[in-house]
Amino acid sequence: APADCVLLRVFAGGARRPDLVSMEDDQLIRLLTGEVAKLLKIRGQPLRHWLFRWTRAMPQYEVGHGDRLRRITARLDAWPGLALAGNAYRGVGIPHCIRSGQEAAARALGLPVQDQQTTSSAF
């Protein structure tokens, strides 16, 4: 964003609001712009907006995901050099994915990896 502007990124929908995926673009933009304005006490309208829809793009972790993850991790010990990375394991955000990739690279190279705690309350 230019120096005199602020860039806001909004993620909406998922398991908590599956209805949003079927809304018309204009209706969804109006809804989300209004909610963000109310939450952040923003006056005025956005200068620009972009709407991208990624249905089923972010994993919705189920109850028991942490246990499943521990079992998978234990099995990986039998396969030196094999590592898994991505948002399906320990967090869906970009920082989680970066850390996941770094840890997978370390495992693949046989370097020590500090065990990370799971990052979602769903675990």
PDB file of N, CA and C in Angstrom:
ATOM      1  N   ALA A   1       0.842  -1.181   0.000  1.00  0.00           N
ATOM      2  CA  ALA A   1       0.000   0.000   0.000  1.00  0.00           C
ATOM      3  C   ALA A   1       0.889   1.246   0.000  1.00  0.00           C
ATOM      4  N   PRO A   2       0.462   2.295  -0.665  1.00  0.00           N
ATOM      5  CA  PRO A   2       1.214   3.554  -0.619  1.00  0.00           C
ATOM      6  C   PRO A   2       1.370   4.043   0.819  1.00  0.00           C
ATOM      7  N   ALA A   3       2.332   4.911   1.037  1.00  0.00           N
ATOM      8  CA  ALA A   3       2.659   5.374   2.391  1.00  0.00           C
ATOM      9  C   ALA A   3       1.472   6.029   3.092  1.00  0.00           C
ATOM     10  N   ASP A   4       0.595   6.671   2.355  1.00  0.00           N
ATOM     11  CA  ASP A   4      -0.534   7.364   2.985  1.00  0.00           C
ATOM     12  C   ASP A   4      -1.797   6.499   3.052  1.00  0.00           C
ATOM     13  N   CYS A   5      -1.635   5.211   2.829  1.00  0.00           N
ATOM     14  CA  CYS A   5      -2.772   4.288   2.855  1.00  0.00           C
ATOM     15  C   CYS A   5      -2.479   3.105   3.772  1.00  0.00           C
ATOM     16  N   VAL A   6      -3.511   2.364   4.059  1.00  0.00           N
ATOM     17  CA  VAL A   6      -3.385   1.159   4.878  1.00  0.00           C
ATOM     18  C   VAL A   6      -3.984   0.000   4.093  1.00  0.00           C
ATOM     19  N   LEU A   7      -3.278  -1.115   4.101  1.00  0.00           N
ATOM     20  CA  LEU A   7      -3.779  -2.316   3.445  1.00  0.00           C
ATOM     21  C   LEU A   7      -4.390  -3.222   4.503  1.00  0.00           C
ATOM     22  N   LEU A   8      -5.627  -3.599   4.306  1.00  0.00           N
ATOM     23  CA  LEU A   8      -6.296  -4.539   5.202  1.00  0.00           C
ATOM     24  C   LEU A   8      -6.635  -5.791   4.413  1.00  0.00           C
ATOM     25  N   ARG A   9      -6.377  -6.921   5.014  1.00  0.00           N
ATOM     26  CA  ARG A   9      -6.710  -8.201   4.383  1.00  0.00           C
ATOM     27  C   ARG A   9      -7.729  -8.888   5.284  1.00  0.00           C
ATOM     28  N   VAL A  10      -8.800  -9.368   4.708  1.00  0.00           N
ATOM     29  CA  VAL A  10      -9.876  -9.993   5.472  1.00  0.00           C
ATOM     30  C   VAL A  10     -10.077 -11.418   4.964  1.00  0.00           C
ATOM     31  N   PHE A  11     -10.086 -12.351   5.886  1.00  0.00           N
ATOM     32  CA  PHE A  11     -10.431 -13.734   5.567  1.00  0.00           C
ATOM     33  C   PHE A  11     -11.788 -14.001   6.198  1.00  0.00           C
ATOM     34  N   ALA A  12     -12.709 -14.525   5.436  1.00  0.00           N
ATOM     35  CA  ALA A  12     -14.055 -14.751   5.962  1.00  0.00           C
ATOM     36  C   ALA A  12     -14.610 -16.056   5.414  1.00  0.00           C
ATOM     37  N   GLY A  13     -15.514 -16.629   6.153  1.00  0.00           N
ATOM     38  CA  GLY A  13     -16.171 -17.854   5.711  1.00  0.00           C
ATOM     39  C   GLY A  13     -15.722 -19.039   6.530  1.00  0.00           C
ATOM     40  N   GLY A  14     -15.412 -20.119   5.861  1.00  0.00           N
ATOM     41  CA  GLY A  14     -14.963 -21.323   6.553  1.00  0.00           C
ATOM     42  C   GLY A  14     -16.099 -22.013   7.277  1.00  0.00           C
ATOM     43  N   ALA A  15     -15.739 -22.806   8.255  1.00  0.00           N
ATOM     44  CA  ALA A  15     -16.721 -23.604   8.985  1.00  0.00           C
ATOM     45  C   ALA A  15     -17.700 -22.734   9.766  1.00  0.00           C
ATOM     46  N   ARG A  16     -17.261 -21.552  10.177  1.00  0.00           N
ATOM     47  CA  ARG A  16     -18.138 -20.705  10.998  1.00  0.00           C
ATOM     48  C   ARG A  16     -19.134 -19.900  10.173  1.00  0.00           C
ATOM     49  N   ARG A  17     -18.805 -19.621   8.933  1.00  0.00           N
ATOM     50  CA  ARG A  17     -19.716 -18.846   8.071  1.00  0.00           C
ATOM     51  C   ARG A  17     -19.741 -19.414   6.659  1.00  0.00           C
ATOM     52  N   PRO A  18     -20.189 -20.657   6.490  1.00  0.00           N
ATOM     53  CA  PRO A  18     -20.199 -21.261   5.154  1.00  0.00           C
ATOM     54  C   PRO A  18     -21.133 -20.548   4.178  1.00  0.00           C
ATOM     55  N   ASP A  19     -22.076 -19.777   4.697  1.00  0.00           N
ATOM     56  CA  ASP A  19     -23.022 -19.058   3.843  1.00  0.00           C
ATOM     57  C   ASP A  19     -22.351 -17.968   3.005  1.00  0.00           C
ATOM     58  N   LEU A  20     -21.210 -17.477   3.442  1.00  0.00           N
ATOM     59  CA  LEU A  20     -20.572 -16.369   2.735  1.00  0.00           C
ATOM     60  C   LEU A  20     -20.108 -16.751   1.333  1.00  0.00           C
ATOM     61  N   VAL A  21     -19.775 -18.007   1.132  1.00  0.00           N
ATOM     62  CA  VAL A  21     -19.247 -18.429  -0.168  1.00  0.00           C
ATOM     63  C   VAL A  21     -20.278 -18.277  -1.285  1.00  0.00           C
ATOM     64  N   SER A  22     -21.539 -18.312  -0.944  1.00  0.00           N
ATOM     65  CA  SER A  22     -22.580 -18.229  -1.978  1.00  0.00           C
ATOM     66  C   SER A  22     -23.115 -16.809  -2.177  1.00  0.00           C
ATOM     67  N   MET A  23     -22.616 -15.844  -1.428  1.00  0.00           N
ATOM     68  CA  MET A  23     -23.083 -14.463  -1.583  1.00  0.00           C
ATOM     69  C   MET A  23     -22.535 -13.856  -2.869  1.00  0.00           C
ATOM     70  N   GLU A  24     -23.306 -12.942  -3.441  1.00  0.00           N
ATOM     71  CA  GLU A  24     -22.842 -12.179  -4.605  1.00  0.00           C
ATOM     72  C   GLU A  24     -21.653 -11.316  -4.184  1.00  0.00           C
ATOM     73  N   ASP A  25     -20.751 -11.049  -5.117  1.00  0.00           N
ATOM     74  CA  ASP A  25     -19.542 -10.282  -4.804  1.00  0.00           C
ATOM     75  C   ASP A  25     -19.857  -8.946  -4.133  1.00  0.00           C
ATOM     76  N   ASP A  26     -20.741  -8.147  -4.752  1.00  0.00           N
ATOM     77  CA  ASP A  26     -21.059  -6.824  -4.203  1.00  0.00           C
ATOM     78  C   ASP A  26     -21.635  -6.919  -2.799  1.00  0.00           C
ATOM     79  N   GLN A  27     -22.498  -7.890  -2.591  1.00  0.00           N
ATOM     80  CA  GLN A  27     -23.124  -8.079  -1.279  1.00  0.00           C
ATOM     81  C   GLN A  27     -22.068  -8.461  -0.237  1.00  0.00           C
ATOM     82  N   LEU A  28     -21.160  -9.360  -0.593  1.00  0.00           N
ATOM     83  CA  LEU A  28     -20.119  -9.799   0.334  1.00  0.00           C
ATOM     84  C   LEU A  28     -19.159  -8.658   0.657  1.00  0.00           C
ATOM     85  N   ILE A  29     -18.766  -7.901  -0.345  1.00  0.00           N
ATOM     86  CA  ILE A  29     -17.867  -6.765  -0.118  1.00  0.00           C
ATOM     87  C   ILE A  29     -18.529  -5.745   0.798  1.00  0.00           C
ATOM     88  N   ARG A  30     -19.805  -5.454   0.566  1.00  0.00           N
ATOM     89  CA  ARG A  30     -20.538  -4.510   1.423  1.00  0.00           C
ATOM     90  C   ARG A  30     -20.580  -5.006   2.863  1.00  0.00           C
ATOM     91  N   LEU A  31     -20.893  -6.289   3.041  1.00  0.00           N
ATOM     92  CA  LEU A  31     -20.980  -6.874   4.379  1.00  0.00           C
ATOM     93  C   LEU A  31     -19.638  -6.785   5.098  1.00  0.00           C
ATOM     94  N   LEU A  32     -18.576  -7.247   4.444  1.00  0.00           N
ATOM     95  CA  LEU A  32     -17.267  -7.281   5.094  1.00  0.00           C
ATOM     96  C   LEU A  32     -16.703  -5.885   5.326  1.00  0.00           C
ATOM     97  N   THR A  33     -16.905  -4.983   4.372  1.00  0.00           N
ATOM     98  CA  THR A  33     -16.459  -3.602   4.554  1.00  0.00           C
ATOM     99  C   THR A  33     -17.153  -2.984   5.760  1.00  0.00           C
ATOM    100  N   GLY A  34     -18.444  -3.221   5.882  1.00  0.00           N
ATOM    101  CA  GLY A  34     -19.194  -2.698   7.027  1.00  0.00           C
ATOM    102  C   GLY A  34     -18.732  -3.278   8.349  1.00  0.00           C
ATOM    103  N   GLU A  35     -18.491  -4.588   8.384  1.00  0.00           N
ATOM    104  CA  GLU A  35     -18.046  -5.223   9.629  1.00  0.00           C
ATOM    105  C   GLU A  35     -16.667  -4.733  10.046  1.00  0.00           C
ATOM    106  N   VAL A  36     -15.755  -4.621   9.083  1.00  0.00           N
ATOM    107  CA  VAL A  36     -14.406  -4.144   9.396  1.00  0.00           C
ATOM    108  C   VAL A  36     -14.461  -2.688   9.852  1.00  0.00           C
ATOM    109  N   ALA A  37     -15.244  -1.864   9.174  1.00  0.00           N
ATOM    110  CA  ALA A  37     -15.374  -0.456   9.552  1.00  0.00           C
ATOM    111  C   ALA A  37     -15.897  -0.323  10.978  1.00  0.00           C
ATOM    112  N   LYS A  38     -16.883  -1.133  11.311  1.00  0.00           N
ATOM    113  CA  LYS A  38     -17.455  -1.086  12.659  1.00  0.00           C
ATOM    114  C   LYS A  38     -16.431  -1.538  13.705  1.00  0.00           C
ATOM    115  N   LEU A  39     -15.750  -2.641  13.434  1.00  0.00           N
ATOM    116  CA  LEU A  39     -14.771  -3.167  14.394  1.00  0.00           C
ATOM    117  C   LEU A  39     -13.595  -2.226  14.611  1.00  0.00           C
ATOM    118  N   LEU A  40     -13.106  -1.624  13.524  1.00  0.00           N
ATOM    119  CA  LEU A  40     -11.908  -0.784  13.606  1.00  0.00           C
ATOM    120  C   LEU A  40     -12.225   0.706  13.655  1.00  0.00           C
ATOM    121  N   LYS A  41     -13.522   1.030  13.695  1.00  0.00           N
ATOM    122  CA  LYS A  41     -13.974   2.423  13.738  1.00  0.00           C
ATOM    123  C   LYS A  41     -13.408   3.228  12.558  1.00  0.00           C
ATOM    124  N   ILE A  42     -13.557   2.668  11.373  1.00  0.00           N
ATOM    125  CA  ILE A  42     -13.072   3.300  10.150  1.00  0.00           C
ATOM    126  C   ILE A  42     -14.202   4.098   9.526  1.00  0.00           C
ATOM    127  N   ARG A  43     -13.896   5.346   9.154  1.00  0.00           N
ATOM    128  CA  ARG A  43     -14.860   6.164   8.419  1.00  0.00           C
ATOM    129  C   ARG A  43     -14.400   6.218   6.970  1.00  0.00           C
ATOM    130  N   GLY A  44     -15.310   6.326   6.086  1.00  0.00           N
ATOM    131  CA  GLY A  44     -14.963   6.386   4.671  1.00  0.00           C
ATOM    132  C   GLY A  44     -14.972   5.008   4.042  1.00  0.00           C
ATOM    133  N   GLN A  45     -14.802   5.011   2.751  1.00  0.00           N
ATOM    134  CA  GLN A  45     -14.858   3.778   1.972  1.00  0.00           C
ATOM    135  C   GLN A  45     -13.464   3.399   1.476  1.00  0.00           C
ATOM    136  N   PRO A  46     -13.260   2.126   1.194  1.00  0.00           N
ATOM    137  CA  PRO A  46     -11.966   1.702   0.645  1.00  0.00           C
ATOM    138  C   PRO A  46     -11.708   2.353  -0.718  1.00  0.00           C
ATOM    139  N   LEU A  47     -10.442   2.629  -0.991  1.00  0.00           N
ATOM    140  CA  LEU A  47     -10.078   3.152  -2.303  1.00  0.00           C
ATOM    141  C   LEU A  47     -10.151   2.055  -3.361  1.00  0.00           C
ATOM    142  N   ARG A  48      -9.797   0.848  -2.952  1.00  0.00           N
ATOM    143  CA  ARG A  48      -9.833  -0.319  -3.843  1.00  0.00           C
ATOM    144  C   ARG A  48     -10.198  -1.539  -3.032  1.00  0.00           C
ATOM    145  N   HIS A  49     -10.657  -2.535  -3.724  1.00  0.00           N
ATOM    146  CA  HIS A  49     -10.847  -3.829  -3.071  1.00  0.00           C
ATOM    147  C   HIS A  49     -10.677  -4.926  -4.120  1.00  0.00           C
ATOM    148  N   TRP A  50     -10.258  -6.055  -3.653  1.00  0.00           N
ATOM    149  CA  TRP A  50     -10.122  -7.247  -4.478  1.00  0.00           C
ATOM    150  C   TRP A  50     -10.812  -8.368  -3.729  1.00  0.00           C
ATOM    151  N   LEU A  51     -11.507  -9.194  -4.433  1.00  0.00           N
ATOM    152  CA  LEU A  51     -12.188 -10.324  -3.813  1.00  0.00           C
ATOM    153  C   LEU A  51     -11.695 -11.607  -4.473  1.00  0.00           C
ATOM    154  N   PHE A  52     -11.161 -12.484  -3.666  1.00  0.00           N
ATOM    155  CA  PHE A  52     -10.722 -13.793  -4.137  1.00  0.00           C
ATOM    156  C   PHE A  52     -11.484 -14.836  -3.346  1.00  0.00           C
ATOM    157  N   ARG A  53     -11.926 -15.858  -4.001  1.00  0.00           N
ATOM    158  CA  ARG A  53     -12.644 -16.944  -3.326  1.00  0.00           C
ATOM    159  C   ARG A  53     -11.827 -18.219  -3.448  1.00  0.00           C
ATOM    160  N   TRP A  54     -11.482 -18.764  -2.308  1.00  0.00           N
ATOM    161  CA  TRP A  54     -10.791 -20.042  -2.264  1.00  0.00           C
ATOM    162  C   TRP A  54     -11.648 -20.980  -1.430  1.00  0.00           C
ATOM    163  N   THR A  55     -12.526 -21.698  -2.082  1.00  0.00           N
ATOM    164  CA  THR A  55     -13.376 -22.626  -1.339  1.00  0.00           C
ATOM    165  C   THR A  55     -12.532 -23.818  -0.915  1.00  0.00           C
ATOM    166  N   ARG A  56     -12.672 -24.182   0.310  1.00  0.00           N
ATOM    167  CA  ARG A  56     -11.968 -25.324   0.897  1.00  0.00           C
ATOM    168  C   ARG A  56     -10.452 -25.158   0.855  1.00  0.00           C
ATOM    169  N   ALA A  57      -9.968 -23.912   0.866  1.00  0.00           N
ATOM    170  CA  ALA A  57      -8.530 -23.664   0.775  1.00  0.00           C
ATOM    171  C   ALA A  57      -7.831 -23.828   2.111  1.00  0.00           C
ATOM    172  N   MET A  58      -8.479 -23.458   3.183  1.00  0.00           N
ATOM    173  CA  MET A  58      -7.860 -23.565   4.500  1.00  0.00           C
ATOM    174  C   MET A  58      -8.444 -24.759   5.233  1.00  0.00           C
ATOM    175  N   PRO A  59      -7.587 -25.598   5.754  1.00  0.00           N
ATOM    176  CA  PRO A  59      -8.089 -26.757   6.491  1.00  0.00           C
ATOM    177  C   PRO A  59      -8.938 -26.324   7.682  1.00  0.00           C
ATOM    178  N   GLN A  60      -9.972 -27.069   7.930  1.00  0.00           N
ATOM    179  CA  GLN A  60     -10.789 -26.873   9.124  1.00  0.00           C
ATOM    180  C   GLN A  60     -10.468 -28.049  10.030  1.00  0.00           C
ATOM    181  N   TYR A  61      -9.582 -27.835  10.986  1.00  0.00           N
ATOM    182  CA  TYR A  61      -9.138 -28.932  11.847  1.00  0.00           C
ATOM    183  C   TYR A  61     -10.305 -29.487  12.655  1.00  0.00           C
ATOM    184  N   GLU A  62     -10.374 -30.796  12.708  1.00  0.00           N
ATOM    185  CA  GLU A  62     -11.427 -31.471  13.458  1.00  0.00           C
ATOM    186  C   GLU A  62     -10.930 -31.820  14.853  1.00  0.00           C
ATOM    187  N   VAL A  63     -11.871 -32.089  15.754  1.00  0.00           N
ATOM    188  CA  VAL A  63     -11.514 -32.562  17.086  1.00  0.00           C
ATOM    189  C   VAL A  63     -10.683 -33.830  16.915  1.00  0.00           C
ATOM    190  N   GLY A  64      -9.580 -33.917  17.614  1.00  0.00           N
ATOM    191  CA  GLY A  64      -8.694 -35.069  17.499  1.00  0.00           C
ATOM    192  C   GLY A  64      -7.535 -34.843  16.541  1.00  0.00           C
ATOM    193  N   HIS A  65      -7.489 -33.672  15.913  1.00  0.00           N
ATOM    194  CA  HIS A  65      -6.415 -33.385  14.960  1.00  0.00           C
ATOM    195  C   HIS A  65      -5.040 -33.463  15.622  1.00  0.00           C
ATOM    196  N   GLY A  66      -4.932 -32.962  16.831  1.00  0.00           N
ATOM    197  CA  GLY A  66      -3.647 -33.005  17.539  1.00  0.00           C
ATOM    198  C   GLY A  66      -3.155 -34.424  17.752  1.00  0.00           C
ATOM    199  N   ASP A  67      -4.062 -35.324  18.133  1.00  0.00           N
ATOM    200  CA  ASP A  67      -3.687 -36.735  18.311  1.00  0.00           C
ATOM    201  C   ASP A  67      -3.253 -37.350  16.982  1.00  0.00           C
ATOM    202  N   ARG A  68      -3.993 -37.068  15.925  1.00  0.00           N
ATOM    203  CA  ARG A  68      -3.642 -37.584  14.599  1.00  0.00           C
ATOM    204  C   ARG A  68      -2.258 -37.073  14.190  1.00  0.00           C
ATOM    205  N   LEU A  69      -2.007 -35.805  14.455  1.00  0.00           N
ATOM    206  CA  LEU A  69      -0.719 -35.205  14.117  1.00  0.00           C
ATOM    207  C   LEU A  69       0.430 -35.871  14.880  1.00  0.00           C
ATOM    208  N   ARG A  70       0.209 -36.159  16.148  1.00  0.00           N
ATOM    209  CA  ARG A  70       1.248 -36.845  16.938  1.00  0.00           C
ATOM    210  C   ARG A  70       1.531 -38.241  16.375  1.00  0.00           C
ATOM    211  N   ARG A  71       0.502 -38.952  15.945  1.00  0.00           N
ATOM    212  CA  ARG A  71       0.703 -40.286  15.348  1.00  0.00           C
ATOM    213  C   ARG A  71       1.480 -40.189  14.031  1.00  0.00           C
ATOM    214  N   ILE A  72       1.127 -39.231  13.217  1.00  0.00           N
ATOM    215  CA  ILE A  72       1.832 -39.040  11.939  1.00  0.00           C
ATOM    216  C   ILE A  72       3.297 -38.712  12.192  1.00  0.00           C
ATOM    217  N   THR A  73       3.543 -37.798  13.116  1.00  0.00           N
ATOM    218  CA  THR A  73       4.914 -37.393  13.431  1.00  0.00           C
ATOM    219  C   THR A  73       5.726 -38.579  13.933  1.00  0.00           C
ATOM    220  N   ALA A  74       5.132 -39.409  14.771  1.00  0.00           N
ATOM    221  CA  ALA A  74       5.840 -40.590  15.286  1.00  0.00           C
ATOM    222  C   ALA A  74       6.194 -41.544  14.143  1.00  0.00           C
ATOM    223  N   ARG A  75       5.308 -41.698  13.182  1.00  0.00           N
ATOM    224  CA  ARG A  75       5.583 -42.595  12.045  1.00  0.00           C
ATOM    225  C   ARG A  75       6.675 -42.039  11.128  1.00  0.00           C
ATOM    226  N   LEU A  76       6.774 -40.732  11.040  1.00  0.00           N
ATOM    227  CA  LEU A  76       7.802 -40.132  10.190  1.00  0.00           C
ATOM    228  C   LEU A  76       9.211 -40.467  10.672  1.00  0.00           C
ATOM    229  N   ASP A  77       9.354 -40.731  11.963  1.00  0.00           N
ATOM    230  CA  ASP A  77      10.673 -41.072  12.505  1.00  0.00           C
ATOM    231  C   ASP A  77      11.262 -42.300  11.817  1.00  0.00           C
ATOM    232  N   ALA A  78      10.413 -43.176  11.290  1.00  0.00           N
ATOM    233  CA  ALA A  78      10.885 -44.389  10.616  1.00  0.00           C
ATOM    234  C   ALA A  78      11.373 -44.102   9.191  1.00  0.00           C
ATOM    235  N   TRP A  79      11.181 -42.891   8.703  1.00  0.00           N
ATOM    236  CA  TRP A  79      11.544 -42.533   7.333  1.00  0.00           C
ATOM    237  C   TRP A  79      12.473 -41.315   7.330  1.00  0.00           C
ATOM    238  N   PRO A  80      13.745 -41.501   7.638  1.00  0.00           N
ATOM    239  CA  PRO A  80      14.684 -40.367   7.636  1.00  0.00           C
ATOM    240  C   PRO A  80      14.673 -39.663   6.274  1.00  0.00           C
ATOM    241  N   GLY A  81      14.672 -38.361   6.318  1.00  0.00           N
ATOM    242  CA  GLY A  81      14.673 -37.580   5.086  1.00  0.00           C
ATOM    243  C   GLY A  81      13.292 -37.246   4.551  1.00  0.00           C
ATOM    244  N   LEU A  82      12.257 -37.906   5.071  1.00  0.00           N
ATOM    245  CA  LEU A  82      10.892 -37.613   4.641  1.00  0.00           C
ATOM    246  C   LEU A  82      10.289 -36.597   5.604  1.00  0.00           C
ATOM    247  N   ALA A  83       9.716 -35.545   5.050  1.00  0.00           N
ATOM    248  CA  ALA A  83       9.118 -34.503   5.879  1.00  0.00           C
ATOM    249  C   ALA A  83       7.839 -34.004   5.214  1.00  0.00           C
ATOM    250  N   LEU A  84       6.916 -33.568   6.013  1.00  0.00           N
ATOM    251  CA  LEU A  84       5.654 -33.016   5.523  1.00  0.00           C
ATOM    252  C   LEU A  84       5.606 -31.532   5.855  1.00  0.00           C
ATOM    253  N   ALA A  85       5.034 -30.753   4.962  1.00  0.00           N
ATOM    254  CA  ALA A  85       4.914 -29.319   5.199  1.00  0.00           C
ATOM    255  C   ALA A  85       3.587 -28.835   4.643  1.00  0.00           C
ATOM    256  N   GLY A  86       3.113 -27.731   5.184  1.00  0.00           N
ATOM    257  CA  GLY A  86       1.904 -27.115   4.658  1.00  0.00           C
ATOM    258  C   GLY A  86       0.919 -26.763   5.748  1.00  0.00           C
ATOM    259  N   ASN A  87      -0.213 -26.228   5.332  1.00  0.00           N
ATOM    260  CA  ASN A  87      -1.193 -25.740   6.297  1.00  0.00           C
ATOM    261  C   ASN A  87      -2.113 -26.825   6.840  1.00  0.00           C
ATOM    262  N   ALA A  88      -1.897 -28.052   6.451  1.00  0.00           N
ATOM    263  CA  ALA A  88      -2.743 -29.145   6.936  1.00  0.00           C
ATOM    264  C   ALA A  88      -2.308 -29.662   8.299  1.00  0.00           C
ATOM    265  N   TYR A  89      -1.210 -29.162   8.823  1.00  0.00           N
ATOM    266  CA  TYR A  89      -0.638 -29.783  10.016  1.00  0.00           C
ATOM    267  C   TYR A  89      -0.694 -28.909  11.268  1.00  0.00           C
ATOM    268  N   ARG A  90       0.028 -27.803  11.306  1.00  0.00           N
ATOM    269  CA  ARG A  90       0.168 -27.053  12.557  1.00  0.00           C
ATOM    270  C   ARG A  90      -0.207 -25.579  12.446  1.00  0.00           C
ATOM    271  N   GLY A  91      -1.066 -25.244  11.546  1.00  0.00           N
ATOM    272  CA  GLY A  91      -1.512 -23.857  11.434  1.00  0.00           C
ATOM    273  C   GLY A  91      -1.762 -23.484   9.988  1.00  0.00           C
ATOM    274  N   VAL A  92      -2.765 -22.669   9.748  1.00  0.00           N
ATOM    275  CA  VAL A  92      -3.177 -22.365   8.385  1.00  0.00           C
ATOM    276  C   VAL A  92      -2.626 -21.047   7.863  1.00  0.00           C
ATOM    277  N   GLY A  93      -2.105 -20.207   8.729  1.00  0.00           N
ATOM    278  CA  GLY A  93      -1.630 -18.893   8.306  1.00  0.00           C
ATOM    279  C   GLY A  93      -0.289 -18.951   7.596  1.00  0.00           C
ATOM    280  N   ILE A  94       0.045 -17.864   6.938  1.00  0.00           N
ATOM    281  CA  ILE A  94       1.316 -17.789   6.215  1.00  0.00           C
ATOM    282  C   ILE A  94       2.503 -18.003   7.147  1.00  0.00           C
ATOM    283  N   PRO A  95       2.554 -17.375   8.331  1.00  0.00           N
ATOM    284  CA  PRO A  95       3.695 -17.635   9.226  1.00  0.00           C
ATOM    285  C   PRO A  95       3.808 -19.109   9.609  1.00  0.00           C
ATOM    286  N   HIS A  96       2.670 -19.770   9.809  1.00  0.00           N
ATOM    287  CA  HIS A  96       2.689 -21.203  10.136  1.00  0.00           C
ATOM    288  C   HIS A  96       3.265 -22.012   8.977  1.00  0.00           C
ATOM    289  N   CYS A  97       2.877 -21.648   7.761  1.00  0.00           N
ATOM    290  CA  CYS A  97       3.366 -22.375   6.581  1.00  0.00           C
ATOM    291  C   CYS A  97       4.861 -22.157   6.376  1.00  0.00           C
ATOM    292  N   ILE A  98       5.333 -20.952   6.632  1.00  0.00           N
ATOM    293  CA  ILE A  98       6.775 -20.687   6.525  1.00  0.00           C
ATOM    294  C   ILE A  98       7.528 -21.547   7.526  1.00  0.00           C
ATOM    295  N   ARG A  99       7.070 -21.539   8.769  1.00  0.00           N
ATOM    296  CA  ARG A  99       7.725 -22.352   9.800  1.00  0.00           C
ATOM    297  C   ARG A  99       7.655 -23.838   9.437  1.00  0.00           C
ATOM    298  N   SER A 100       6.524 -24.274   8.904  1.00  0.00           N
ATOM    299  CA  SER A 100       6.367 -25.665   8.501  1.00  0.00           C
ATOM    300  C   SER A 100       7.388 -26.033   7.425  1.00  0.00           C
ATOM    301  N   GLY A 101       7.588 -25.157   6.456  1.00  0.00           N
ATOM    302  CA  GLY A 101       8.571 -25.403   5.405  1.00  0.00           C
ATOM    303  C   GLY A 101       9.990 -25.436   5.935  1.00  0.00           C
ATOM    304  N   GLN A 102      10.294 -24.528   6.859  1.00  0.00           N
ATOM    305  CA  GLN A 102      11.631 -24.508   7.458  1.00  0.00           C
ATOM    306  C   GLN A 102      11.894 -25.785   8.244  1.00  0.00           C
ATOM    307  N   GLU A 103      10.902 -26.220   9.001  1.00  0.00           N
ATOM    308  CA  GLU A 103      11.063 -27.451   9.786  1.00  0.00           C
ATOM    309  C   GLU A 103      11.189 -28.666   8.870  1.00  0.00           C
ATOM    310  N   ALA A 104      10.417 -28.698   7.793  1.00  0.00           N
ATOM    311  CA  ALA A 104      10.498 -29.821   6.855  1.00  0.00           C
ATOM    312  C   ALA A 104      11.876 -29.868   6.197  1.00  0.00           C
ATOM    313  N   ALA A 105      12.410 -28.711   5.837  1.00  0.00           N
ATOM    314  CA  ALA A 105      13.748 -28.671   5.238  1.00  0.00           C
ATOM    315  C   ALA A 105      14.790 -29.184   6.224  1.00  0.00           C
ATOM    316  N   ALA A 106      14.675 -28.765   7.483  1.00  0.00           N
ATOM    317  CA  ALA A 106      15.627 -29.229   8.502  1.00  0.00           C
ATOM    318  C   ALA A 106      15.531 -30.743   8.674  1.00  0.00           C
ATOM    319  N   ARG A 107      14.319 -31.265   8.740  1.00  0.00           N
ATOM    320  CA  ARG A 107      14.140 -32.725   8.872  1.00  0.00           C
ATOM    321  C   ARG A 107      14.736 -33.463   7.672  1.00  0.00           C
ATOM    322  N   ALA A 108      14.467 -32.951   6.480  1.00  0.00           N
ATOM    323  CA  ALA A 108      14.967 -33.597   5.267  1.00  0.00           C
ATOM    324  C   ALA A 108      16.495 -33.621   5.237  1.00  0.00           C
ATOM    325  N   LEU A 109      17.114 -32.607   5.837  1.00  0.00           N
ATOM    326  CA  LEU A 109      18.575 -32.533   5.881  1.00  0.00           C
ATOM    327  C   LEU A 109      19.163 -33.235   7.097  1.00  0.00           C
ATOM    328  N   GLY A 110      18.296 -33.765   7.950  1.00  0.00           N
ATOM    329  CA  GLY A 110      18.769 -34.462   9.143  1.00  0.00           C
ATOM    330  C   GLY A 110      19.221 -33.535  10.252  1.00  0.00           C
ATOM    331  N   LEU A 111      18.793 -32.291  10.201  1.00  0.00           N
ATOM    332  CA  LEU A 111      19.144 -31.319  11.241  1.00  0.00           C
ATOM    333  C   LEU A 111      18.138 -31.403  12.381  1.00  0.00           C
ATOM    334  N   PRO A 112      18.551 -31.010  13.580  1.00  0.00           N
ATOM    335  CA  PRO A 112      17.594 -31.051  14.699  1.00  0.00           C
ATOM    336  C   PRO A 112      16.458 -30.055  14.479  1.00  0.00           C
ATOM    337  N   VAL A 113      15.272 -30.473  14.864  1.00  0.00           N
ATOM    338  CA  VAL A 113      14.087 -29.628  14.740  1.00  0.00           C
ATOM    339  C   VAL A 113      13.444 -29.521  16.101  1.00  0.00           C
ATOM    340  N   GLN A 114      13.231 -28.294  16.536  1.00  0.00           N
ATOM    341  CA  GLN A 114      12.556 -28.089  17.815  1.00  0.00           C
ATOM    342  C   GLN A 114      11.087 -28.417  17.629  1.00  0.00           C
ATOM    343  N   ASP A 115      10.540 -29.249  18.514  1.00  0.00           N
ATOM    344  CA  ASP A 115       9.118 -29.585  18.434  1.00  0.00           C
ATOM    345  C   ASP A 115       8.286 -28.337  18.644  1.00  0.00           C
ATOM    346  N   GLN A 116       7.350 -28.103  17.746  1.00  0.00           N
ATOM    347  CA  GLN A 116       6.462 -26.953  17.855  1.00  0.00           C
ATOM    348  C   GLN A 116       5.141 -27.396  18.456  1.00  0.00           C
ATOM    349  N   GLN A 117       4.619 -26.576  19.318  1.00  0.00           N
ATOM    350  CA  GLN A 117       3.284 -26.832  19.846  1.00  0.00           C
ATOM    351  C   GLN A 117       2.284 -26.524  18.746  1.00  0.00           C
ATOM    352  N   THR A 118       1.167 -27.182  18.786  1.00  0.00           N
ATOM    353  CA  THR A 118       0.116 -26.870  17.828  1.00  0.00           C
ATOM    354  C   THR A 118      -0.388 -25.471  18.110  1.00  0.00           C
ATOM    355  N   THR A 119      -0.923 -24.816  17.095  1.00  0.00           N
ATOM    356  CA  THR A 119      -1.242 -23.406  17.207  1.00  0.00           C
ATOM    357  C   THR A 119      -2.727 -23.101  17.194  1.00  0.00           C
ATOM    358  N   SER A 120      -3.552 -24.096  17.167  1.00  0.00           N
ATOM    359  CA  SER A 120      -4.982 -23.845  17.096  1.00  0.00           C
ATOM    360  C   SER A 120      -5.683 -24.431  18.308  1.00  0.00           C
ATOM    361  N   SER A 121      -6.725 -23.764  18.738  1.00  0.00           N
ATOM    362  CA  SER A 121      -7.487 -24.277  19.875  1.00  0.00           C
ATOM    363  C   SER A 121      -8.217 -25.567  19.520  1.00  0.00           C
ATOM    364  N   ALA A 122      -8.253 -25.918  18.232  1.00  0.00           N
ATOM    365  CA  ALA A 122      -8.918 -27.158  17.823  1.00  0.00           C
ATOM    366  C   ALA A 122      -8.123 -28.392  18.214  1.00  0.00           C
ATOM    367  N   PHE A 123      -6.876 -28.222  18.633  1.00  0.00           N
ATOM    368  CA  PHE A 123      -6.048 -29.364  18.992  1.00  0.00           C
ATOM    369  C   PHE A 123      -6.363 -29.768  20.397  1.00  0.00           C
TER     370      PHE A 123
END
